Amino acid sequence: MAHHPHESHGDQHAPGRGHAPGHTGGHGHGHGHGHGHGTDIDWAEMAPHLEAQAELFTPLYERALVWLGKEVTEPGLIVDVGSGPGVVSCLFAETFPGARITAVDGSAPLLERAQQRAERLGYGDRFDTLAGELPDVLAELDYPADLLWAGRSLHHLGDQRAALAAFAERLAPGGTLAIMEGGLPARFLPRDLGFGRPGLEARLDALQEEWFARMRAELPGSVEETEDWAGLLGEAGLKHARTRSFLLDLPAPASDRARAYIAASLSRLRDVFGDTLGPDDRAMLDRLLDPQDEAGVHRRADVFVLAAHTVHTAVKPVR
């Protein structure tokens, strides 16, 4: 399976925080199963979690799309690169009612879900899918894009600089490339939970950063790159780079849907890092994930979702 994000449309940096195993702010990306220390992710298996995550993060995406809409007026074709199950693709269809949407991903099962979602929401007559290895599959697009969106998918491609050049090549003159990369790790819990050692999420962040570095290093053709996105967009021949971050703030007490997402994210983190964590932190996660424990995320009143994702845009010059 291709190493592409499938709805990390929110994905942070690693197994649970957005990149794959756990706290995804959006999709996660990769291939395989993501158990143990591995960086493989089974995207079809992840589909329900990816959908739930993207749906929960919809307010953040809606604000990002409104911001994009001030720059990209009446686009004819919008391409969602690394679309996953299509939650964000369908938000584009809703936000830009005159546009045709093409969802592109390396996972055919996820694209099937995207097409079904579009049909269900009434966008099927202007919604297409394209399955294949990124970025090469973009050469199969029938038309250049007026807006090409890569929501936490670029970091799943080994040579990010070359991928950005390929993305830029598929833009129409005056078209906009928008990539969602970076931001802040999601937070669900108070620093001091009332049991165990304070700062559990910060320790999980450190493990996820290590996981993310391994994931990047293991990608085919991986190239280390300074994450100066504005500079890289400029080197791809694009102009007028802009950057803005968008916040998701779902305060305590969390809804049942938010609690289910939090539990699923922490469960994946436990699965991936269980033998890396110290026994005290493993015990903390076990308590947090116990539906019968009053101190667990299913019952405690102080759990929340707080995350920030950053969008970088630039425009292809009209020659």
Protein backbone atom coordinates (compact mmCIF):
# COMPACT_ATOMS: atom_id res chain seq x y z
CA MET A 1 0.00 0.00 0.00
CA ALA A 2 1.20 3.50 -0.69
CA HIS A 3 2.60 5.59 2.09
CA HIS A 4 -0.05 8.23 2.03
CA PRO A 5 -2.24 9.76 4.61
CA HIS A 6 -5.75 8.76 4.58
CA GLU A 7 -7.58 11.36 6.50
CA SER A 8 -4.77 12.36 8.97
CA HIS A 9 -6.95 15.25 8.25
CA GLY A 10 -5.98 16.06 11.58
CA ASP A 11 -3.04 13.77 12.12
CA GLN A 12 -0.29 15.07 14.36
CA HIS A 13 3.02 13.44 14.56
CA ALA A 14 2.75 9.84 15.22
CA PRO A 15 0.91 6.88 16.21
CA GLY A 16 -1.97 8.28 17.92
CA ARG A 17 -1.62 11.92 17.83
CA GLY A 18 -2.37 12.34 14.26
CA HIS A 19 0.24 10.42 12.51
CA ALA A 20 -0.89 7.00 12.81
CA PRO A 21 -1.18 5.00 15.89
CA GLY A 22 -3.19 7.22 18.08
CA HIS A 23 -4.19 10.83 18.61
CA THR A 24 -4.79 11.59 15.04
CA GLY A 25 -5.87 15.05 14.36
CA GLY A 26 -6.86 13.84 11.05
CA HIS A 27 -5.70 10.80 9.22
CA GLY A 28 -2.61 8.90 9.88
CA HIS A 29 -0.45 7.82 7.06
CA GLY A 30 1.65 4.92 6.14
CA HIS A 31 0.95 1.32 5.45
CA GLY A 32 0.76 -1.95 7.28
CA HIS A 33 -0.59 -2.55 10.73
CA GLY A 34 1.12 -0.24 13.17
CA HIS A 35 1.63 -2.70 16.01
CA GLY A 36 4.63 -2.84 18.27
CA HIS A 37 7.35 -0.43 17.25
CA GLY A 38 6.53 -0.69 13.57
CA THR A 39 5.53 2.25 11.47
CA ASP A 40 3.24 0.30 9.14
CA ILE A 41 -0.42 1.24 9.16
CA ASP A 42 -3.37 -0.71 7.79
CA TRP A 43 -5.41 2.17 6.42
CA ALA A 44 -8.49 0.15 5.58
CA GLU A 45 -8.58 -1.12 9.15
CA MET A 46 -8.09 2.45 10.36
CA ALA A 47 -10.96 3.83 8.26
CA PRO A 48 -13.62 4.11 10.99
CA HIS A 49 -11.16 5.88 13.30
CA LEU A 50 -10.01 8.19 10.50
CA GLU A 51 -13.60 9.12 9.71
CA ALA A 52 -14.49 9.70 13.35
CA GLN A 53 -11.42 11.86 13.80
CA ALA A 54 -12.04 13.98 10.72
CA GLU A 55 -15.71 14.39 11.65
CA LEU A 56 -14.74 15.52 15.14
CA PHE A 57 -12.25 17.99 13.65
CA THR A 58 -14.80 19.35 11.15
CA PRO A 59 -15.04 22.79 12.87
CA LEU A 60 -11.29 23.24 12.37
CA TYR A 61 -11.47 22.22 8.72
CA GLU A 62 -14.46 24.44 8.08
CA ARG A 63 -12.54 27.46 9.35
CA ALA A 64 -9.55 26.53 7.20
CA LEU A 65 -11.74 26.18 4.11
CA VAL A 66 -13.42 29.53 4.72
CA TRP A 67 -9.94 31.08 4.87
CA LEU A 68 -8.96 29.33 1.63
CA GLY A 69 -12.18 30.51 0.02
CA LYS A 70 -11.11 34.13 0.43
CA GLU A 71 -8.11 33.42 -1.81
CA VAL A 72 -9.50 30.75 -4.13
CA THR A 73 -12.68 32.08 -5.72
CA GLU A 74 -14.91 29.82 -7.79
CA PRO A 75 -12.43 26.98 -8.39
CA GLY A 76 -13.35 24.58 -11.18
CA LEU A 77 -11.35 21.58 -9.93
CA ILE A 78 -10.25 20.84 -6.37
CA VAL A 79 -7.90 17.91 -5.79
CA ASP A 80 -7.62 16.39 -2.31
CA VAL A 81 -4.27 14.59 -2.17
CA GLY A 82 -4.23 11.84 0.45
CA SER A 83 -7.97 12.13 0.92
CA GLY A 84 -8.55 8.94 2.88
CA PRO A 85 -12.26 8.23 3.42
CA GLY A 86 -13.24 11.63 2.05
CA VAL A 87 -14.54 13.59 5.02
CA VAL A 88 -12.57 16.70 4.07
CA SER A 89 -13.13 16.10 0.34
CA CYS A 90 -16.87 16.36 0.99
CA LEU A 91 -16.36 19.52 3.04
CA PHE A 92 -14.71 21.01 -0.05
CA ALA A 93 -17.75 19.99 -2.09
CA GLU A 94 -20.00 21.73 0.44
CA THR A 95 -17.86 24.88 0.69
CA PHE A 96 -17.34 25.25 -3.07
CA PRO A 97 -20.65 24.23 -4.67
CA GLY A 98 -19.45 25.06 -8.19
CA ALA A 99 -16.34 22.90 -8.01
CA ARG A 100 -15.61 19.38 -9.14
CA ILE A 101 -13.77 17.37 -6.46
CA THR A 102 -11.20 14.64 -7.07
CA ALA A 103 -10.13 12.57 -4.06
CA VAL A 104 -6.71 10.98 -4.55
CA ASP A 105 -5.28 8.28 -2.32
CA GLY A 106 -3.14 5.16 -2.31
CA SER A 107 -5.88 3.06 -0.69
CA ALA A 108 -8.73 1.92 -2.93
CA PRO A 109 -10.89 0.81 0.04
CA LEU A 110 -10.67 4.29 1.55
CA LEU A 111 -11.58 5.88 -1.77
CA GLU A 112 -14.62 3.59 -1.98
CA ARG A 113 -15.74 5.02 1.34
CA ALA A 114 -15.09 8.54 0.04
CA GLN A 115 -17.25 7.93 -3.04
CA GLN A 116 -20.03 6.43 -0.91
CA ARG A 117 -19.90 9.43 1.41
CA ALA A 118 -20.13 11.85 -1.52
CA GLU A 119 -23.11 9.97 -2.96
CA ARG A 120 -24.83 9.93 0.43
CA LEU A 121 -24.38 13.69 0.84
CA GLY A 122 -25.57 14.49 -2.67
CA TYR A 123 -22.20 15.40 -4.22
CA GLY A 124 -21.78 12.27 -6.35
CA ASP A 125 -22.39 14.03 -9.66
CA ARG A 126 -19.28 16.18 -9.19
CA PHE A 127 -17.07 13.85 -7.20
CA ASP A 128 -14.33 11.60 -8.62
CA THR A 129 -11.66 9.36 -7.09
CA LEU A 130 -8.17 8.47 -8.27
CA ALA A 131 -6.21 5.59 -6.73
CA GLY A 132 -2.46 5.20 -7.05
CA GLU A 133 0.99 6.01 -5.78
CA LEU A 134 1.60 9.64 -4.92
CA PRO A 135 2.75 11.90 -6.39
CA ASP A 136 3.03 10.03 -9.73
CA VAL A 137 -0.69 9.25 -9.97
CA LEU A 138 -1.44 12.98 -10.27
CA ALA A 139 -0.25 12.76 -13.88
CA GLU A 140 -3.53 10.93 -14.57
CA LEU A 141 -5.64 13.99 -13.72
CA ASP A 142 -7.62 15.13 -16.77
CA TYR A 143 -7.26 18.81 -15.94
CA PRO A 144 -4.97 21.04 -13.88
CA ALA A 145 -6.28 21.91 -10.43
CA ASP A 146 -7.41 25.34 -9.31
CA LEU A 147 -6.86 24.21 -5.72
CA LEU A 148 -4.72 21.26 -4.65
CA TRP A 149 -5.03 20.35 -0.98
CA ALA A 150 -2.64 18.00 0.83
CA GLY A 151 -3.90 17.57 4.38
CA ARG A 152 -1.14 15.91 6.37
CA SER A 153 -0.24 13.71 3.45
CA LEU A 154 3.01 15.30 2.31
CA HIS A 155 4.98 13.93 5.27
CA HIS A 156 4.13 10.41 4.12
CA LEU A 157 6.11 10.92 0.92
CA GLY A 158 9.84 10.24 1.07
CA ASP A 159 11.03 13.21 -1.01
CA GLN A 160 8.83 16.08 0.11
CA ARG A 161 10.62 18.66 -2.06
CA ALA A 162 10.05 16.57 -5.21
CA ALA A 163 6.43 15.96 -4.18
CA LEU A 164 5.79 19.69 -3.82
CA ALA A 165 7.24 20.23 -7.30
CA ALA A 166 4.90 17.54 -8.64
CA PHE A 167 1.94 19.13 -6.85
CA ALA A 168 2.82 22.54 -8.28
CA GLU A 169 3.08 21.09 -11.78
CA ARG A 170 -0.54 19.91 -11.57
CA LEU A 171 -1.84 23.40 -10.76
CA ALA A 172 -3.49 25.65 -13.30
CA PRO A 173 -1.88 29.09 -13.71
CA GLY A 174 -3.15 31.15 -10.79
CA GLY A 175 -4.04 27.96 -8.91
CA THR A 176 -3.33 27.50 -5.20
CA LEU A 177 -1.46 24.73 -3.41
CA ALA A 178 -2.48 24.30 0.24
CA ILE A 179 -0.68 21.91 2.55
CA MET A 180 -1.63 21.17 6.14
CA GLU A 181 1.57 20.34 8.02
CA GLY A 182 2.65 21.10 11.55
CA GLY A 183 0.72 22.69 14.35
CA LEU A 184 0.61 21.51 17.95
CA PRO A 185 0.12 18.07 19.49
CA ALA A 186 -3.44 17.41 20.59
CA ARG A 187 -4.25 17.52 24.29
CA PHE A 188 -7.01 15.55 25.97
CA LEU A 189 -6.07 15.47 29.64
CA PRO A 190 -5.06 17.74 32.52
CA ARG A 191 -1.35 17.64 33.34
CA ASP A 192 -2.04 16.11 36.75
CA LEU A 193 -4.64 13.34 36.54
CA GLY A 194 -4.84 12.75 40.28
CA PHE A 195 -2.96 9.47 39.93
CA GLY A 196 0.37 8.46 38.48
CA ARG A 197 3.13 10.87 37.48
CA PRO A 198 1.97 14.21 36.01
CA GLY A 199 2.80 14.95 32.38
CA LEU A 200 1.74 11.69 30.70
CA GLU A 201 0.84 13.34 27.40
CA ALA A 202 4.21 15.12 27.18
CA ARG A 203 5.95 11.76 27.57
CA LEU A 204 3.72 10.25 24.87
CA ASP A 205 4.60 13.21 22.62
CA ALA A 206 8.30 12.36 22.92
CA LEU A 207 7.67 8.75 21.89
CA GLN A 208 5.57 9.88 18.97
CA GLU A 209 8.27 12.26 17.73
CA GLU A 210 10.70 9.34 17.70
CA TRP A 211 8.12 7.19 15.90
CA PHE A 212 7.56 9.94 13.34
CA ALA A 213 11.29 10.25 12.64
CA ARG A 214 11.50 6.46 12.10
CA MET A 215 8.44 6.52 9.86
CA ARG A 216 9.98 9.27 7.73
CA ALA A 217 13.35 7.49 7.56
CA GLU A 218 11.74 4.22 6.42
CA LEU A 219 9.81 5.76 3.53
CA PRO A 220 11.05 4.86 0.01
CA GLY A 221 13.43 7.54 -1.22
CA SER A 222 13.35 9.35 2.10
CA VAL A 223 15.16 12.69 2.10
CA GLU A 224 15.76 14.73 5.24
CA GLU A 225 14.29 18.18 4.82
CA THR A 226 14.18 21.33 6.91
CA GLU A 227 10.48 21.99 7.38
CA ASP A 228 10.53 25.55 6.06
CA TRP A 229 7.28 25.14 4.18
CA ALA A 230 7.13 28.68 2.81
CA GLY A 231 10.67 28.31 1.50
CA LEU A 232 9.93 24.91 -0.04
CA LEU A 233 6.79 26.23 -1.72
CA GLY A 234 8.87 29.05 -3.18
CA GLU A 235 11.47 26.58 -4.49
CA ALA A 236 8.62 24.72 -6.20
CA GLY A 237 8.03 27.87 -8.25
CA LEU A 238 5.05 29.18 -6.27
CA LYS A 239 4.50 32.73 -5.02
CA HIS A 240 2.66 34.63 -2.30
CA ALA A 241 3.17 32.08 0.50
CA ARG A 242 0.82 32.43 3.44
CA THR A 243 0.49 30.51 6.69
CA ARG A 244 -2.26 30.29 9.26
CA SER A 245 -3.10 27.94 12.12
CA PHE A 246 -6.57 26.78 13.07
CA LEU A 247 -7.73 25.69 16.50
CA LEU A 248 -10.05 22.91 17.58
CA ASP A 249 -11.29 23.64 21.10
CA LEU A 250 -13.79 21.14 22.49
CA PRO A 251 -13.81 21.98 26.20
CA ALA A 252 -14.60 19.73 29.13
CA PRO A 253 -16.85 18.00 29.77
CA ALA A 254 -16.27 16.19 26.49
CA SER A 255 -19.14 14.81 24.44
CA ASP A 256 -19.60 11.06 24.05
CA ARG A 257 -18.22 11.32 20.50
CA ALA A 258 -15.13 13.17 21.71
CA ARG A 259 -14.64 10.61 24.51
CA ALA A 260 -14.84 7.76 22.01
CA TYR A 261 -12.18 9.45 19.88
CA ILE A 262 -9.95 10.09 22.88
CA ALA A 263 -10.28 6.47 24.01
CA ALA A 264 -9.51 5.15 20.52
CA SER A 265 -6.47 7.41 20.24
CA LEU A 266 -5.07 6.45 23.65
CA SER A 267 -5.76 2.78 22.94
CA ARG A 268 -3.69 2.90 19.76
CA LEU A 269 -0.89 4.64 21.64
CA ARG A 270 -0.94 1.91 24.25
CA ASP A 271 -0.85 -0.76 21.54
CA VAL A 272 2.07 0.85 19.73
CA PHE A 273 4.15 1.99 22.71
CA GLY A 274 3.05 -0.49 25.36
CA ASP A 275 6.43 -2.18 25.69
CA THR A 276 8.30 1.14 25.46
CA LEU A 277 6.42 2.88 28.24
CA GLY A 278 7.48 2.42 31.81
CA PRO A 279 5.21 0.27 33.99
CA ASP A 280 3.79 3.33 35.76
CA ASP A 281 2.72 4.99 32.50
CA ARG A 282 1.28 1.72 31.19
CA ALA A 283 -0.76 1.47 34.38
CA MET A 284 -1.97 5.06 33.88
CA LEU A 285 -3.15 4.27 30.36
CA ASP A 286 -4.87 1.12 31.58
CA ARG A 287 -6.82 3.15 34.14
CA LEU A 288 -7.66 5.86 31.62
CA LEU A 289 -9.03 3.25 29.20
CA ASP A 290 -11.04 1.26 31.75
CA PRO A 291 -14.73 2.07 31.09
CA GLN A 292 -15.58 1.18 34.70
CA ASP A 293 -12.92 3.40 36.29
CA GLU A 294 -14.19 6.78 37.50
CA ALA A 295 -10.73 8.18 36.69
CA GLY A 296 -10.92 6.94 33.09
CA VAL A 297 -11.66 9.02 30.00
CA HIS A 298 -15.13 7.47 29.66
CA ARG A 299 -16.25 8.96 32.99
CA ARG A 300 -14.06 11.77 34.26
CA ALA A 301 -15.44 15.29 33.79
CA ASP A 302 -12.20 17.05 32.87
CA VAL A 303 -11.29 15.49 29.50
CA PHE A 304 -11.30 17.74 26.43
CA VAL A 305 -9.89 18.02 22.90
CA LEU A 306 -7.55 20.90 22.10
CA ALA A 307 -5.47 20.91 18.91
CA ALA A 308 -4.00 23.28 16.35
CA HIS A 309 -3.22 22.52 12.70
CA THR A 310 -1.26 24.80 10.37
CA VAL A 311 -2.04 25.44 6.70
CA HIS A 312 0.54 26.81 4.24
CA THR A 313 -0.53 28.13 0.83
CA ALA A 314 1.12 29.52 -2.27
CA VAL A 315 0.01 30.39 -5.81
CA LYS A 316 1.26 29.31 -9.24
CA PRO A 317 2.19 32.39 -11.25
CA VAL A 318 0.20 33.26 -14.35
CA ARG A 319 2.75 33.31 -17.12
